[in-house]
Amino acid sequence: MRDARETRNAESKRLRKHGSGFSLIELLVVVAIILIIAAIAVPNLIRSRIAANEASAVASMHVILTASNVYYANYSNGYPPSMATMGAPPAAVPTCNQGGLLDAVLVNAPNQKSGYTFSYTGQDAPVTAPAGCAAPGFTGFVTTAVPIKVGITGGRSFCTTEDGVIHYDSSGAAIATGAACQGLPAL
């Protein structure tokens, strides 16, 4: 019996001396360090994503603005009656009904790209539609980009009118009219 007890004591001393794994305190310290690093990195990652989404939204606003001006110059129908009018035609030849000026991501519902929802509204007086055009264009427009989730996908909303200046609202709210858009700070 004494030999069995001595063997257990020797085994216990050997395990304590060489260690058989990490202690609970050591594991908690490692977990705490990982959590501190994550707490530092995650907000920076979110800020970086928001900045990238905002840059993409501004670039898309430039594309919509350019497409609107090309439509205006090519089809004698004023500015496009809708964003869908600037989309690709099913036939190979673009017309005033589908100008082939924007890609399907921006044109098709829900009109979302890079964390933003885009909209286009013809404003001011409608023009007289030339023969072959299904809908009359307008003498003005407002296009907007609003974050899908403010603070997560973007921080600011953007808008532009036919004057070509991109404006922003730092609250991320939607902008309804050209006059409201022009009253905001410009980029």
C-alpha atoms as a PDB file:
ATOM      1  CA  MET A   1       0.000   0.000   0.000  1.00  0.00           C
ATOM      2  CA  ARG A   2       2.830   2.303   0.828  1.00  0.00           C
ATOM      3  CA  ASP A   3       4.382   1.656  -2.595  1.00  0.00           C
ATOM      4  CA  ALA A   4       1.135   2.647  -4.342  1.00  0.00           C
ATOM      5  CA  ARG A   5       0.946   5.888  -2.371  1.00  0.00           C
ATOM      6  CA  GLU A   6       4.585   6.727  -3.093  1.00  0.00           C
ATOM      7  CA  THR A   7       4.022   6.011  -6.785  1.00  0.00           C
ATOM      8  CA  ARG A   8       1.024   8.388  -6.875  1.00  0.00           C
ATOM      9  CA  ASN A   9       2.994  11.120  -5.065  1.00  0.00           C
ATOM     10  CA  ALA A  10       5.913  10.721  -7.446  1.00  0.00           C
ATOM     11  CA  GLU A  11       3.556  10.866 -10.447  1.00  0.00           C
ATOM     12  CA  SER A  12       1.855  13.968  -9.018  1.00  0.00           C
ATOM     13  CA  LYS A  13       5.219  15.703  -8.488  1.00  0.00           C
ATOM     14  CA  ARG A  14       6.303  14.804 -12.017  1.00  0.00           C
ATOM     15  CA  LEU A  15       3.125  16.291 -13.526  1.00  0.00           C
ATOM     16  CA  ARG A  16       3.480  19.483 -11.499  1.00  0.00           C
ATOM     17  CA  LYS A  17       7.138  19.783 -12.418  1.00  0.00           C
ATOM     18  CA  HIS A  18       6.708  19.259 -16.178  1.00  0.00           C
ATOM     19  CA  GLY A  19       3.154  20.619 -16.541  1.00  0.00           C
ATOM     20  CA  SER A  20       0.490  18.846 -18.511  1.00  0.00           C
ATOM     21  CA  GLY A  21      -1.047  21.897 -20.264  1.00  0.00           C
ATOM     22  CA  PHE A  22      -2.032  25.503 -19.751  1.00  0.00           C
ATOM     23  CA  SER A  23      -3.459  26.760 -16.535  1.00  0.00           C
ATOM     24  CA  LEU A  24      -6.804  28.515 -16.462  1.00  0.00           C
ATOM     25  CA  ILE A  25      -5.111  31.851 -15.770  1.00  0.00           C
ATOM     26  CA  GLU A  26      -2.842  31.468 -18.793  1.00  0.00           C
ATOM     27  CA  LEU A  27      -5.818  30.716 -21.035  1.00  0.00           C
ATOM     28  CA  LEU A  28      -7.758  33.697 -19.684  1.00  0.00           C
ATOM     29  CA  VAL A  29      -4.804  36.009 -20.339  1.00  0.00           C
ATOM     30  CA  VAL A  30      -4.563  34.808 -23.960  1.00  0.00           C
ATOM     31  CA  VAL A  31      -8.314  35.259 -24.493  1.00  0.00           C
ATOM     32  CA  ALA A  32      -8.168  38.756 -22.976  1.00  0.00           C
ATOM     33  CA  ILE A  33      -5.321  39.752 -25.315  1.00  0.00           C
ATOM     34  CA  ILE A  34      -7.256  38.463 -28.341  1.00  0.00           C
ATOM     35  CA  LEU A  35     -10.359  40.415 -27.267  1.00  0.00           C
ATOM     36  CA  ILE A  36      -8.339  43.621 -26.848  1.00  0.00           C
ATOM     37  CA  ILE A  37      -6.856  43.249 -30.328  1.00  0.00           C
ATOM     38  CA  ALA A  38     -10.319  42.594 -31.784  1.00  0.00           C
ATOM     39  CA  ALA A  39     -11.749  45.651 -29.996  1.00  0.00           C
ATOM     40  CA  ILE A  40      -9.083  47.782 -31.654  1.00  0.00           C
ATOM     41  CA  ALA A  41      -9.324  46.220 -35.127  1.00  0.00           C
ATOM     42  CA  VAL A  42     -13.103  45.902 -35.688  1.00  0.00           C
ATOM     43  CA  PRO A  43     -13.990  49.633 -35.538  1.00  0.00           C
ATOM     44  CA  ASN A  44     -11.140  50.403 -37.932  1.00  0.00           C
ATOM     45  CA  LEU A  45     -12.415  47.720 -40.290  1.00  0.00           C
ATOM     46  CA  ILE A  46     -15.927  49.197 -40.210  1.00  0.00           C
ATOM     47  CA  ARG A  47     -14.601  52.720 -40.836  1.00  0.00           C
ATOM     48  CA  SER A  48     -12.549  51.435 -43.765  1.00  0.00           C
ATOM     49  CA  ARG A  49     -15.572  49.662 -45.263  1.00  0.00           C
ATOM     50  CA  ILE A  50     -17.709  52.789 -44.892  1.00  0.00           C
ATOM     51  CA  ALA A  51     -15.039  54.906 -46.607  1.00  0.00           C
ATOM     52  CA  ALA A  52     -14.771  52.401 -49.467  1.00  0.00           C
ATOM     53  CA  ASN A  53     -18.561  52.232 -49.877  1.00  0.00           C
ATOM     54  CA  GLU A  54     -18.805  56.038 -49.913  1.00  0.00           C
ATOM     55  CA  ALA A  55     -16.082  56.273 -52.575  1.00  0.00           C
ATOM     56  CA  SER A  56     -17.924  53.672 -54.656  1.00  0.00           C
ATOM     57  CA  ALA A  57     -21.221  55.558 -54.231  1.00  0.00           C
ATOM     58  CA  VAL A  58     -19.639  58.812 -55.413  1.00  0.00           C
ATOM     59  CA  ALA A  59     -18.151  57.008 -58.436  1.00  0.00           C
ATOM     60  CA  SER A  60     -21.574  55.519 -59.240  1.00  0.00           C
ATOM     61  CA  MET A  61     -23.121  58.993 -58.945  1.00  0.00           C
ATOM     62  CA  HIS A  62     -20.612  60.207 -61.549  1.00  0.00           C
ATOM     63  CA  VAL A  63     -21.601  57.309 -63.817  1.00  0.00           C
ATOM     64  CA  ILE A  64     -25.329  58.100 -63.471  1.00  0.00           C
ATOM     65  CA  LEU A  65     -24.657  61.794 -64.070  1.00  0.00           C
ATOM     66  CA  THR A  66     -22.617  61.044 -67.189  1.00  0.00           C
ATOM     67  CA  ALA A  67     -25.244  58.588 -68.479  1.00  0.00           C
ATOM     68  CA  SER A  68     -27.971  61.216 -67.985  1.00  0.00           C
ATOM     69  CA  ASN A  69     -25.999  63.784 -69.950  1.00  0.00           C
ATOM     70  CA  VAL A  70     -25.236  61.316 -72.745  1.00  0.00           C
ATOM     71  CA  TYR A  71     -28.942  60.420 -72.934  1.00  0.00           C
ATOM     72  CA  TYR A  72     -29.792  64.138 -73.086  1.00  0.00           C
ATOM     73  CA  ALA A  73     -27.320  64.695 -75.942  1.00  0.00           C
ATOM     74  CA  ASN A  74     -28.190  61.573 -77.960  1.00  0.00           C
ATOM     75  CA  TYR A  75     -31.957  61.152 -77.848  1.00  0.00           C
ATOM     76  CA  SER A  76     -33.523  64.653 -77.978  1.00  0.00           C
ATOM     77  CA  ASN A  77     -35.835  63.618 -75.158  1.00  0.00           C
ATOM     78  CA  GLY A  78     -34.424  65.767 -72.356  1.00  0.00           C
ATOM     79  CA  TYR A  79     -33.006  63.939 -69.360  1.00  0.00           C
ATOM     80  CA  PRO A  80     -34.114  60.302 -69.002  1.00  0.00           C
ATOM     81  CA  PRO A  81     -37.616  59.716 -67.638  1.00  0.00           C
ATOM     82  CA  SER A  82     -36.300  56.985 -65.276  1.00  0.00           C
ATOM     83  CA  MET A  83     -33.158  55.093 -64.346  1.00  0.00           C
ATOM     84  CA  ALA A  84     -34.513  52.036 -66.195  1.00  0.00           C
ATOM     85  CA  THR A  85     -34.473  54.097 -69.400  1.00  0.00           C
ATOM     86  CA  MET A  86     -30.681  54.238 -69.133  1.00  0.00           C
ATOM     87  CA  GLY A  87     -30.406  50.427 -68.922  1.00  0.00           C
ATOM     88  CA  ALA A  88     -29.296  47.995 -71.567  1.00  0.00           C
ATOM     89  CA  PRO A  89     -31.808  47.203 -74.320  1.00  0.00           C
ATOM     90  CA  PRO A  90     -32.879  43.623 -75.034  1.00  0.00           C
ATOM     91  CA  ALA A  91     -31.991  44.268 -78.681  1.00  0.00           C
ATOM     92  CA  ALA A  92     -28.480  45.191 -79.731  1.00  0.00           C
ATOM     93  CA  VAL A  93     -29.394  48.759 -80.680  1.00  0.00           C
ATOM     94  CA  PRO A  94     -29.917  51.323 -77.899  1.00  0.00           C
ATOM     95  CA  THR A  95     -32.949  53.596 -78.205  1.00  0.00           C
ATOM     96  CA  CYS A  96     -34.523  56.414 -76.227  1.00  0.00           C
ATOM     97  CA  ASN A  97     -36.512  53.720 -74.380  1.00  0.00           C
ATOM     98  CA  GLN A  98     -33.384  51.868 -73.249  1.00  0.00           C
ATOM     99  CA  GLY A  99     -30.190  53.775 -73.854  1.00  0.00           C
ATOM    100  CA  GLY A 100     -27.680  51.110 -72.850  1.00  0.00           C
ATOM    101  CA  LEU A 101     -25.820  53.606 -70.679  1.00  0.00           C
ATOM    102  CA  LEU A 102     -25.880  51.938 -67.230  1.00  0.00           C
ATOM    103  CA  ASP A 103     -25.214  48.419 -66.060  1.00  0.00           C
ATOM    104  CA  ALA A 104     -27.949  46.191 -64.674  1.00  0.00           C
ATOM    105  CA  VAL A 105     -26.775  46.520 -61.044  1.00  0.00           C
ATOM    106  CA  LEU A 106     -27.730  50.195 -60.929  1.00  0.00           C
ATOM    107  CA  VAL A 107     -30.760  49.976 -63.214  1.00  0.00           C
ATOM    108  CA  ASN A 108     -32.616  46.954 -61.834  1.00  0.00           C
ATOM    109  CA  ALA A 109     -34.462  46.946 -58.513  1.00  0.00           C
ATOM    110  CA  PRO A 110     -33.465  47.223 -55.732  1.00  0.00           C
ATOM    111  CA  ASN A 111     -30.852  49.543 -57.339  1.00  0.00           C
ATOM    112  CA  GLN A 112     -28.222  48.686 -54.725  1.00  0.00           C
ATOM    113  CA  LYS A 113     -24.473  48.664 -55.047  1.00  0.00           C
ATOM    114  CA  SER A 114     -21.676  48.729 -52.438  1.00  0.00           C
ATOM    115  CA  GLY A 115     -23.994  49.281 -49.482  1.00  0.00           C
ATOM    116  CA  TYR A 116     -26.016  52.096 -51.086  1.00  0.00           C
ATOM    117  CA  THR A 117     -29.445  52.344 -52.688  1.00  0.00           C
ATOM    118  CA  PHE A 118     -29.582  54.579 -55.762  1.00  0.00           C
ATOM    119  CA  SER A 119     -32.575  56.440 -57.131  1.00  0.00           C
ATOM    120  CA  TYR A 120     -33.215  58.726 -60.084  1.00  0.00           C
ATOM    121  CA  THR A 121     -36.182  61.055 -60.440  1.00  0.00           C
ATOM    122  CA  GLY A 122     -36.963  63.278 -63.399  1.00  0.00           C
ATOM    123  CA  GLN A 123     -37.882  66.790 -62.276  1.00  0.00           C
ATOM    124  CA  ASP A 124     -39.063  70.092 -63.633  1.00  0.00           C
ATOM    125  CA  ALA A 125     -41.136  70.185 -66.799  1.00  0.00           C
ATOM    126  CA  PRO A 126     -41.451  67.120 -69.034  1.00  0.00           C
ATOM    127  CA  VAL A 127     -40.363  67.593 -72.624  1.00  0.00           C
ATOM    128  CA  THR A 128     -42.314  66.557 -75.692  1.00  0.00           C
ATOM    129  CA  ALA A 129     -41.216  63.022 -76.456  1.00  0.00           C
ATOM    130  CA  PRO A 130     -39.954  62.478 -79.993  1.00  0.00           C
ATOM    131  CA  ALA A 131     -41.490  59.755 -82.143  1.00  0.00           C
ATOM    132  CA  GLY A 132     -40.588  56.273 -80.902  1.00  0.00           C
ATOM    133  CA  CYS A 133     -39.962  57.283 -77.283  1.00  0.00           C
ATOM    134  CA  ALA A 134     -42.391  55.626 -74.878  1.00  0.00           C
ATOM    135  CA  ALA A 135     -42.125  58.326 -72.188  1.00  0.00           C
ATOM    136  CA  PRO A 136     -41.138  61.972 -72.220  1.00  0.00           C
ATOM    137  CA  GLY A 137     -37.925  62.997 -70.535  1.00  0.00           C
ATOM    138  CA  PHE A 138     -37.510  65.946 -68.177  1.00  0.00           C
ATOM    139  CA  THR A 139     -35.660  69.234 -68.128  1.00  0.00           C
ATOM    140  CA  GLY A 140     -34.066  68.330 -64.795  1.00  0.00           C
ATOM    141  CA  PHE A 141     -33.425  65.420 -62.470  1.00  0.00           C
ATOM    142  CA  VAL A 142     -32.164  64.462 -59.040  1.00  0.00           C
ATOM    143  CA  THR A 143     -30.281  61.261 -58.342  1.00  0.00           C
ATOM    144  CA  THR A 144     -29.460  60.031 -54.859  1.00  0.00           C
ATOM    145  CA  ALA A 145     -27.361  57.430 -53.090  1.00  0.00           C
ATOM    146  CA  VAL A 146     -28.519  56.532 -49.563  1.00  0.00           C
ATOM    147  CA  PRO A 147     -26.730  54.064 -47.266  1.00  0.00           C
ATOM    148  CA  ILE A 148     -28.658  50.831 -46.744  1.00  0.00           C
ATOM    149  CA  LYS A 149     -27.745  50.996 -43.028  1.00  0.00           C
ATOM    150  CA  VAL A 150     -26.394  54.315 -41.792  1.00  0.00           C
ATOM    151  CA  GLY A 151     -23.228  53.779 -39.774  1.00  0.00           C
ATOM    152  CA  ILE A 152     -22.741  50.248 -41.114  1.00  0.00           C
ATOM    153  CA  THR A 153     -22.674  50.434 -44.935  1.00  0.00           C
ATOM    154  CA  GLY A 154     -22.158  54.192 -45.210  1.00  0.00           C
ATOM    155  CA  GLY A 155     -22.264  57.370 -43.196  1.00  0.00           C
ATOM    156  CA  ARG A 156     -23.316  60.022 -45.702  1.00  0.00           C
ATOM    157  CA  SER A 157     -25.944  60.194 -48.419  1.00  0.00           C
ATOM    158  CA  PHE A 158     -25.165  61.800 -51.770  1.00  0.00           C
ATOM    159  CA  CYS A 159     -27.152  63.564 -54.455  1.00  0.00           C
ATOM    160  CA  THR A 160     -26.667  65.420 -57.702  1.00  0.00           C
ATOM    161  CA  THR A 161     -28.786  67.284 -60.210  1.00  0.00           C
ATOM    162  CA  GLU A 162     -28.274  68.251 -63.824  1.00  0.00           C
ATOM    163  CA  ASP A 163     -25.729  70.901 -62.711  1.00  0.00           C
ATOM    164  CA  GLY A 164     -23.223  68.061 -62.123  1.00  0.00           C
ATOM    165  CA  VAL A 165     -22.205  68.968 -58.564  1.00  0.00           C
ATOM    166  CA  ILE A 166     -22.335  66.105 -56.067  1.00  0.00           C
ATOM    167  CA  HIS A 167     -23.654  67.127 -52.651  1.00  0.00           C
ATOM    168  CA  TYR A 168     -23.741  65.170 -49.399  1.00  0.00           C
ATOM    169  CA  ASP A 169     -25.804  64.934 -46.232  1.00  0.00           C
ATOM    170  CA  SER A 170     -23.713  63.787 -43.260  1.00  0.00           C
ATOM    171  CA  SER A 171     -26.807  62.346 -41.504  1.00  0.00           C
ATOM    172  CA  GLY A 172     -27.289  59.748 -44.271  1.00  0.00           C
ATOM    173  CA  ALA A 173     -30.899  60.833 -44.872  1.00  0.00           C
ATOM    174  CA  ALA A 174     -32.566  60.591 -48.274  1.00  0.00           C
ATOM    175  CA  ILE A 175     -32.757  63.779 -50.346  1.00  0.00           C
ATOM    176  CA  ALA A 176     -36.122  64.251 -52.073  1.00  0.00           C
ATOM    177  CA  THR A 177     -35.775  67.220 -54.421  1.00  0.00           C
ATOM    178  CA  GLY A 178     -33.226  69.007 -56.548  1.00  0.00           C
ATOM    179  CA  ALA A 179     -33.624  72.156 -54.457  1.00  0.00           C
ATOM    180  CA  ALA A 180     -32.934  70.215 -51.249  1.00  0.00           C
ATOM    181  CA  CYS A 181     -29.914  68.634 -52.906  1.00  0.00           C
ATOM    182  CA  GLN A 182     -28.473  71.976 -53.996  1.00  0.00           C
ATOM    183  CA  GLY A 183     -28.871  73.320 -50.466  1.00  0.00           C
ATOM    184  CA  LEU A 184     -26.427  70.711 -49.105  1.00  0.00           C
ATOM    185  CA  PRO A 185     -22.619  71.036 -48.956  1.00  0.00           C
ATOM    186  CA  ALA A 186     -20.770  70.048 -52.129  1.00  0.00           C
ATOM    187  CA  LEU A 187     -17.977  67.474 -52.245  1.00  0.00           C
END
